[in-house]
Protein backbone atom coordinates (compact mmCIF):
# COMPACT_ATOMS: atom_id res chain seq x y z
CA MET A 1 -0.04 0.08 -0.02
CA THR A 2 0.86 3.88 -0.69
CA PRO A 3 2.59 4.61 2.79
CA ALA A 4 0.03 7.34 4.76
CA ASN A 5 2.72 9.79 6.43
CA GLY A 6 4.48 13.05 6.63
CA THR A 7 3.06 16.74 6.44
CA GLY A 8 -0.39 17.13 3.63
CA ILE A 9 -1.76 20.13 1.82
CA VAL A 10 -5.01 20.03 0.63
CA LEU A 11 -6.27 21.69 -2.29
CA PRO A 12 -8.72 24.01 -2.80
CA PRO A 13 -11.48 22.59 -4.44
CA ASP A 14 -12.64 25.39 -6.65
CA LEU A 15 -8.77 26.64 -8.19
CA ALA A 16 -9.57 26.93 -12.14
CA GLY A 17 -7.03 24.96 -14.39
CA PRO A 18 -4.17 27.24 -14.08
CA GLU A 19 -4.11 27.88 -9.89
CA LEU A 20 -4.62 23.93 -9.88
CA MET A 21 -1.85 23.38 -11.51
CA ALA A 22 0.67 26.05 -10.70
CA PHE A 23 -0.51 25.10 -7.19
CA ALA A 24 -0.13 20.96 -7.09
CA ARG A 25 3.64 21.62 -9.10
CA ARG A 26 4.20 24.36 -6.23
CA ALA A 27 3.17 22.07 -3.27
CA ASP A 28 5.68 19.59 -5.21
CA ASP A 29 7.91 21.34 -5.64
CA LEU A 30 8.19 22.61 -1.54
CA GLY A 31 8.30 18.91 -0.38
CA PHE A 32 5.14 18.24 0.35
CA ASP A 33 4.83 14.77 1.67
CA ALA A 34 1.01 14.44 0.23
CA LEU A 35 -1.20 16.56 -2.19
CA TRP A 36 -5.09 15.72 -0.87
CA VAL A 37 -7.79 16.72 -3.58
CA VAL A 38 -11.48 17.96 -2.47
CA GLU A 39 -14.82 16.64 -3.62
CA ASP A 40 -17.06 18.59 -2.56
CA CYS A 41 -20.32 19.44 -4.58
CA PHE A 42 -20.71 20.64 -7.28
CA LEU A 43 -17.39 21.74 -7.46
CA ASN A 44 -14.00 19.83 -9.56
CA GLY A 45 -14.76 16.39 -9.57
CA GLY A 46 -12.40 14.58 -7.24
CA ILE A 47 -10.93 11.86 -9.86
CA ALA A 48 -10.63 14.52 -12.55
CA GLN A 49 -8.51 16.33 -9.99
CA ALA A 50 -6.67 13.70 -8.98
CA ALA A 51 -5.32 12.33 -12.12
CA THR A 52 -4.15 15.98 -13.18
CA ALA A 53 -2.33 15.79 -9.94
CA LEU A 54 -0.85 13.48 -10.38
CA ALA A 55 0.75 13.53 -13.77
CA LEU A 56 1.88 17.26 -13.08
CA THR A 57 4.16 15.79 -9.95
CA ARG A 58 6.75 13.90 -9.54
CA ARG A 59 7.18 12.43 -6.41
CA LEU A 60 4.34 13.24 -3.78
CA THR A 61 1.62 10.87 -2.73
CA VAL A 62 -2.39 12.55 -3.91
CA GLY A 63 -4.89 11.46 -1.35
CA LEU A 64 -8.19 10.94 -3.67
CA GLY A 65 -11.10 12.57 -0.60
CA LEU A 66 -13.99 11.19 -0.46
CA LEU A 67 -15.58 9.66 -3.57
CA PRO A 68 -19.53 9.88 -1.41
CA ALA A 69 -20.79 6.25 -1.38
CA GLY A 70 -24.24 6.61 -2.54
CA ALA A 71 -22.38 8.56 -5.86
CA ARG A 72 -20.53 5.66 -7.35
CA ASN A 73 -21.14 2.20 -8.24
CA PRO A 74 -17.88 -0.08 -6.43
CA ALA A 75 -16.87 -1.77 -9.85
CA PHE A 76 -16.81 1.46 -11.56
CA ALA A 77 -14.96 3.95 -8.86
CA ALA A 78 -12.61 0.56 -9.08
CA MET A 79 -11.91 0.90 -12.37
CA GLU A 80 -10.69 4.47 -11.79
CA VAL A 81 -9.11 3.91 -9.11
CA ALA A 82 -6.89 0.80 -10.55
CA THR A 83 -5.99 2.80 -13.33
CA LEU A 84 -4.82 5.61 -11.43
CA ALA A 85 -2.97 3.53 -9.20
CA ARG A 86 -1.69 1.37 -12.64
CA PHE A 87 -0.58 4.49 -14.28
CA HIS A 88 1.20 6.20 -11.18
CA PRO A 89 2.42 3.55 -8.98
CA GLY A 90 2.80 4.09 -5.01
CA ARG A 91 1.68 6.91 -5.51
CA LEU A 92 -2.06 7.38 -4.47
CA LEU A 93 -4.09 7.26 -1.65
CA VAL A 94 -8.25 6.67 -1.47
CA GLY A 95 -11.34 8.23 1.00
CA VAL A 96 -14.68 6.66 0.98
CA GLY A 97 -17.14 8.28 3.01
CA HIS A 98 -20.96 8.67 3.65
CA GLY A 99 -20.61 12.26 1.40
CA MET A 100 -22.28 15.26 3.47
CA PRO A 101 -26.06 14.17 3.99
CA ASP A 102 -28.16 17.44 2.40
CA TRP A 103 -25.62 17.16 -0.27
CA MET A 104 -26.40 13.39 -0.95
CA ARG A 105 -30.08 13.65 -0.71
CA GLN A 106 -29.87 16.15 -3.17
CA VAL A 107 -29.34 14.78 -5.86
CA GLY A 108 -31.22 11.75 -4.36
CA SER A 109 -28.09 9.44 -3.47
CA TRP A 110 -29.04 9.12 0.60
CA PRO A 111 -29.34 5.52 1.93
CA ALA A 112 -31.33 4.94 4.83
CA SER A 113 -28.41 3.40 6.26
CA PRO A 114 -25.29 4.90 5.57
CA LEU A 115 -23.32 3.10 7.69
CA THR A 116 -24.25 -0.37 5.62
CA LEU A 117 -23.44 1.21 2.62
CA LEU A 118 -20.41 2.31 3.37
CA GLU A 119 -18.84 -0.91 5.14
CA GLU A 120 -19.87 -2.81 1.89
CA TYR A 121 -18.46 -0.33 -0.33
CA LEU A 122 -15.81 -0.55 1.57
CA ARG A 123 -15.22 -3.86 1.67
CA ALA A 124 -16.31 -4.34 -2.19
CA LEU A 125 -13.70 -1.71 -3.33
CA ARG A 126 -11.37 -3.06 -1.77
CA ALA A 127 -11.32 -6.70 -2.89
CA LEU A 128 -11.50 -5.56 -6.39
CA LEU A 129 -8.45 -3.25 -5.99
CA ALA A 130 -6.27 -6.56 -4.57
CA GLY A 131 -7.80 -8.79 -7.92
CA GLU A 132 -10.52 -10.83 -6.30
CA ARG A 133 -13.40 -11.91 -8.03
CA VAL A 134 -15.91 -10.58 -6.22
CA THR A 135 -19.42 -11.94 -5.51
CA THR A 136 -21.51 -10.11 -3.28
CA ASP A 137 -25.81 -9.61 -3.16
CA GLY A 138 -25.50 -6.39 0.28
CA ARG A 139 -28.61 -4.43 1.07
CA TYR A 140 -26.71 -2.14 -1.29
CA VAL A 141 -24.29 -3.62 -3.11
CA ARG A 142 -24.66 -6.01 -5.02
CA LEU A 143 -21.58 -7.18 -7.96
CA ASP A 144 -21.62 -10.93 -9.32
CA GLY A 145 -18.34 -12.17 -10.33
CA VAL A 146 -16.98 -8.92 -11.30
CA GLN A 147 -12.77 -8.76 -11.57
CA LEU A 148 -10.66 -6.20 -12.42
CA ALA A 149 -8.98 -7.37 -15.92
CA ALA A 150 -5.62 -5.04 -14.82
CA PRO A 151 -5.93 -4.81 -10.74
CA PRO A 152 -2.67 -2.03 -9.35
CA GLU A 153 0.48 -3.69 -8.45
CA ARG A 154 0.46 -2.32 -4.98
CA PRO A 155 -3.36 -1.16 -4.67
CA PRO A 156 -3.94 1.53 -2.72
CA ALA A 157 -4.57 2.48 1.33
CA VAL A 158 -8.62 2.47 1.22
CA LEU A 159 -9.02 4.93 4.00
CA ALA A 160 -12.75 5.78 5.43
CA GLY A 161 -14.08 9.23 5.80
CA VAL A 162 -15.54 9.26 9.01
CA ARG A 163 -15.96 10.84 12.41
CA GLY A 164 -18.73 9.36 14.67
CA PRO A 165 -18.53 6.04 17.21
CA ARG A 166 -20.46 3.88 15.08
CA SER A 167 -18.83 5.13 12.39
CA LEU A 168 -15.32 4.83 13.20
CA ARG A 169 -16.02 1.38 14.69
CA MET A 170 -16.59 -0.21 11.26
CA ALA A 171 -13.94 1.61 9.32
CA GLY A 172 -11.19 -0.02 12.44
CA ARG A 173 -12.71 -2.99 9.97
CA ALA A 174 -13.38 -2.77 6.78
CA ALA A 175 -10.42 0.14 5.78
CA ASP A 176 -7.19 0.50 5.93
CA GLY A 177 -7.34 3.46 7.56
CA VAL A 178 -9.00 6.32 8.95
CA LEU A 179 -9.24 10.25 7.30
CA LEU A 180 -10.49 12.30 9.98
CA ALA A 181 -11.90 16.31 8.72
CA GLU A 182 -11.09 18.96 10.90
CA PRO A 183 -10.92 19.89 12.99
CA ALA A 184 -8.67 16.90 14.24
CA THR A 185 -7.15 17.92 17.88
CA PRO A 186 -4.55 15.83 19.70
CA GLU A 187 -7.91 14.90 22.01
CA TYR A 188 -10.19 13.88 19.26
CA LEU A 189 -8.06 12.03 17.71
CA ALA A 190 -6.54 9.89 20.43
CA THR A 191 -10.71 9.18 20.83
CA ALA A 192 -10.76 8.63 17.57
CA ARG A 193 -7.95 6.19 17.62
CA GLU A 194 -9.67 4.45 20.59
CA GLN A 195 -12.56 4.08 19.27
CA THR A 196 -11.55 2.41 15.38
CA ALA A 197 -9.80 -0.40 17.65
CA ALA A 198 -8.03 -1.50 14.74
CA PRO A 199 -4.87 -3.24 14.18
CA ALA A 200 -1.24 -2.28 14.13
CA GLY A 201 -0.90 -0.58 10.07
CA HIS A 202 -4.02 1.26 10.39
CA LEU A 203 -4.06 4.46 8.93
CA LEU A 204 -4.79 7.80 10.95
CA VAL A 205 -4.49 11.03 8.65
CA ALA A 206 -5.74 14.17 9.97
CA TYR A 207 -7.48 17.15 8.55
CA ASN A 208 -6.88 20.49 10.12
CA ILE A 209 -7.48 24.61 8.91
CA ALA A 210 -4.06 26.04 8.79
CA ALA A 211 -2.38 29.30 8.57
CA VAL A 212 1.30 30.51 9.37
CA ALA A 213 2.57 34.00 9.95
CA ASP A 214 5.41 35.76 11.98
CA ASP A 215 1.93 38.05 13.07
CA ALA A 216 0.30 35.42 15.71
CA ASP A 217 -2.58 37.46 15.56
CA ALA A 218 -2.67 37.14 11.57
CA ALA A 219 -2.18 33.81 11.52
CA LEU A 220 -5.30 33.55 13.47
CA GLU A 221 -7.59 35.74 11.94
CA ALA A 222 -6.62 34.09 8.24
CA ALA A 223 -7.56 30.88 9.91
CA ARG A 224 -11.11 31.78 12.31
CA PRO A 225 -13.50 31.89 9.25
CA ALA A 226 -12.27 28.81 8.40
CA LEU A 227 -13.83 27.27 11.38
CA LYS A 228 -16.91 28.11 10.65
CA TRP A 229 -18.60 25.42 10.68
CA ILE A 230 -17.42 23.41 13.27
CA GLY A 231 -20.58 24.45 15.19
CA GLU A 232 -22.87 22.71 13.42
CA PRO A 233 -24.16 18.98 14.36
CA ALA A 234 -22.20 17.63 12.45
CA TRP A 235 -19.02 18.31 13.77
CA ARG A 236 -19.91 17.25 17.49
CA PRO A 237 -17.76 14.43 17.29
CA HIS A 238 -14.71 16.33 16.83
CA LEU A 239 -15.56 18.99 19.81
CA ALA A 240 -16.92 15.87 22.53
CA PRO A 241 -12.97 15.07 23.81
CA LEU A 242 -12.45 19.51 24.12
CA PRO A 243 -12.62 20.85 27.62
CA PHE A 244 -14.45 23.93 25.36
CA ALA A 245 -17.21 22.08 24.50
CA ASP A 246 -19.80 23.42 26.30
CA GLU A 247 -19.18 26.44 25.90
CA LEU A 248 -18.41 26.32 21.78
CA THR A 249 -21.57 25.18 21.68
CA ALA A 250 -23.68 27.51 23.37
CA LEU A 251 -21.21 30.50 21.78
CA ARG A 252 -22.81 28.84 18.35
CA ALA A 253 -26.73 28.82 19.85
CA ALA A 254 -26.52 32.63 20.46
CA ALA A 255 -24.24 33.83 17.18
CA GLY A 256 -26.64 34.60 14.36
CA SER A 257 -24.63 33.42 11.88
CA PRO A 258 -21.72 31.13 11.22
CA GLU A 259 -19.61 33.86 10.65
CA GLU A 260 -20.66 35.66 13.61
CA PHE A 261 -19.77 32.37 15.50
CA ALA A 262 -16.28 32.42 13.75
CA ALA A 263 -15.99 36.27 14.46
CA GLN A 264 -16.82 35.39 17.87
CA LEU A 265 -14.37 32.51 19.03
CA PRO A 266 -11.24 33.11 21.55
CA ASP A 267 -7.82 33.02 20.56
CA ALA A 268 -7.11 30.51 22.44
CA TRP A 269 -10.00 28.42 20.81
CA VAL A 270 -9.27 28.57 17.75
CA GLU A 271 -5.11 27.51 18.29
CA ARG A 272 -6.39 24.20 19.89
CA LEU A 273 -8.62 24.09 16.70
CA ALA A 274 -6.70 24.81 13.72
CA VAL A 275 -2.01 24.74 13.41
CA ALA A 276 -2.02 28.66 13.43
CA GLY A 277 0.24 31.05 14.44
CA THR A 278 3.62 31.60 14.49
CA PRO A 279 6.17 28.96 13.09
CA GLN A 280 6.95 27.69 16.71
CA ARG A 281 3.45 27.68 17.81
CA ALA A 282 2.16 25.84 14.78
CA GLY A 283 4.73 23.67 14.52
CA ALA A 284 4.37 22.43 18.43
CA HIS A 285 1.06 21.60 17.74
CA LEU A 286 2.17 19.65 14.98
CA ALA A 287 3.87 17.38 16.97
CA ALA A 288 1.42 17.47 18.93
CA LEU A 289 -1.18 15.42 16.25
CA ARG A 290 1.57 13.45 15.11
CA ARG A 291 2.04 12.92 19.48
CA ALA A 292 -1.99 12.11 19.12
CA GLY A 293 -1.09 9.29 17.12
CA ALA A 294 -1.67 11.14 13.14
CA THR A 295 0.60 9.28 10.87
CA GLN A 296 0.00 12.33 8.62
CA VAL A 297 -1.62 15.41 8.68
CA VAL A 298 -2.79 17.08 6.31
CA LEU A 299 -2.79 21.37 6.51
CA SER A 300 -5.97 22.95 4.42
CA PRO A 301 -4.58 26.33 3.86
CA ALA A 302 -6.64 29.25 5.01
CA GLY A 303 -6.85 32.90 3.78
CA PRO A 304 -7.90 34.68 0.01
CA ASP A 305 -4.13 33.19 -1.69
CA PRO A 306 -3.83 29.73 -2.10
CA LEU A 307 -0.20 29.81 -3.42
CA ALA A 308 0.76 32.41 -0.61
CA ALA A 309 -0.35 30.48 2.08
CA LEU A 310 0.56 27.20 0.43
CA ASP A 311 4.54 28.92 0.88
CA SER A 312 3.75 30.08 4.13
CA LEU A 313 2.82 26.89 6.01
CA ALA A 314 5.85 25.33 3.38
CA GLN A 315 8.00 26.59 6.82
CA LEU A 316 5.92 23.47 9.01
CA LEU A 317 8.10 21.06 6.71
CA ARG A 318 11.26 22.35 8.74
CA THR A 319 9.22 21.42 11.79
CA PRO A 320 11.09 17.76 14.16
CA ARG A 321 8.86 15.53 13.58
CA THR A 322 9.41 14.23 16.94
CA SER A 323 9.85 17.71 18.92
CA ARG A 324 7.77 20.04 20.33
């Protein structure tokens, strides 16, 4: 399997073609270990972005995240993934998740049991990528003697992009690892690792909003708007282990909008919820995430200029991976 370690960067999902290509090449040149593409509705497609990034770069791993299980038949997803893995051996990671419920309902692809669908999907996709002939008659996934004509020699790791306890337990038995959305604090990482109850070698990839500047206040202000959604119900598993979880929930309930909520977040909370601050303070947070069990930390650049943010975040690549 492709390793998932070190420090990754998120490719912003709304970039036009020239900007996307410039970002991918720059991330490769700067020395990031991985570039993760995002499939948000209804922006750039994940598989197309991954193929472009792999073709444009020389050495970094490209992470495909997330493919919504309800949106693609697993056999056809396996064909696409296998093609990428064969054309670019050892450089692909794949994330599969439930998808955002509102988006999936919007396109008529939200199942009655998202957890059942995701487990069936993960098992089928991994088996197909391993070259197996798959016959299964599940509640959602039905395959009759399906086998890839040319499976990859090195199947990519397939990660489950999930949040809550039941989904994490499922990921521990049905996936090669877990991909955690932001904010992935050390507390949440430790909780997720425990709930996954996975065997040794299970990967834990953690996204986090990130902003670095010599002026700590400027970095926190850049990160703050990107945290505006974390008060919504879907993010409660991320917040539950934090000592200020109840206060944060109360702040969101009192705020008139996500933007107002983000503007009122105390600086100390922003520092816990994002990799943000001076290079030294952000680097210390990055080291803490690794100590908490992250095999790869993926930075989601905050601010209006993605390329400028990318250059700033590259300072963290010089942070020792075991020091505080």
